[in-house]
Amino acid sequence: MATRVNQRERTRLAILDAARALVPTGDEVTMPMVAAAARVSEATAYRYFPDLASLLAEAIGQLWPTAAEAMRPVSHVDDPVERVAHAVRAMLSDVRDQQSAVRVMMAAAIVKPHHPSPRPARRFALIDEALAPVEVTAANRRRIAQLKRDLAIVVSAEAYFNLTDLCGLTPNQAIASVVATARTLTQAALATGQ
């Protein structure tokens, strides 16, 4: 029995490892490609992961740094505007580098809106980490909560893809545009309370 459990775990890890190796290439990733790289049948891959989005969400969850790790380069910075700018660059650089996988997860969330989202929702942890130096008081609690919601719209793969796909910006131009917008939102929200 233990041998079967170990074999199942090895097979599952082989599939995950294959996905983790394919995602950073930036190329399209499909379940047949992952299965071939893992040296299992496509049916076997589907037995372990119900769909490509679930597999990619878990693979990306293990590839991307945590919010604390992503914010480490600015851990000494107290300026929330600079911290937000860094968080945006960190997240959208990962989106840019692994956009094929991100698009699959976004499509799955759109097609199955009532199912648990396979998307990692990393932006919320990054926003919280970026705004950690801001003192939340009774007077500014609502304003900070609104800023976090506003940033959740901007600090997103959706914003990045709108700018690249619909506005024709290059990936780096799109990142710069989102950074500028996030800076403006943060400055305006924090200036209101001064």
Foldseek 3Di string as FASTA:
>chain_A
DVVVVVVLVLLLVLLLVLLLVPQQQQDADALCSSCVSSVHHSVSSCVNPVGLLLSLLVSVVVVQDALCVQQVVCPVPLDLLVLLLSLLCSQLVSCNSRVNSVVVQVVVCVVCVPDPRSHPLRLLRNNCVSCVSPDDDPVQPVLSVVLSVVLSVLSDPVQQCCCCVVVVDDSVVSSVVSSVVNSVSVVVSVVVVD
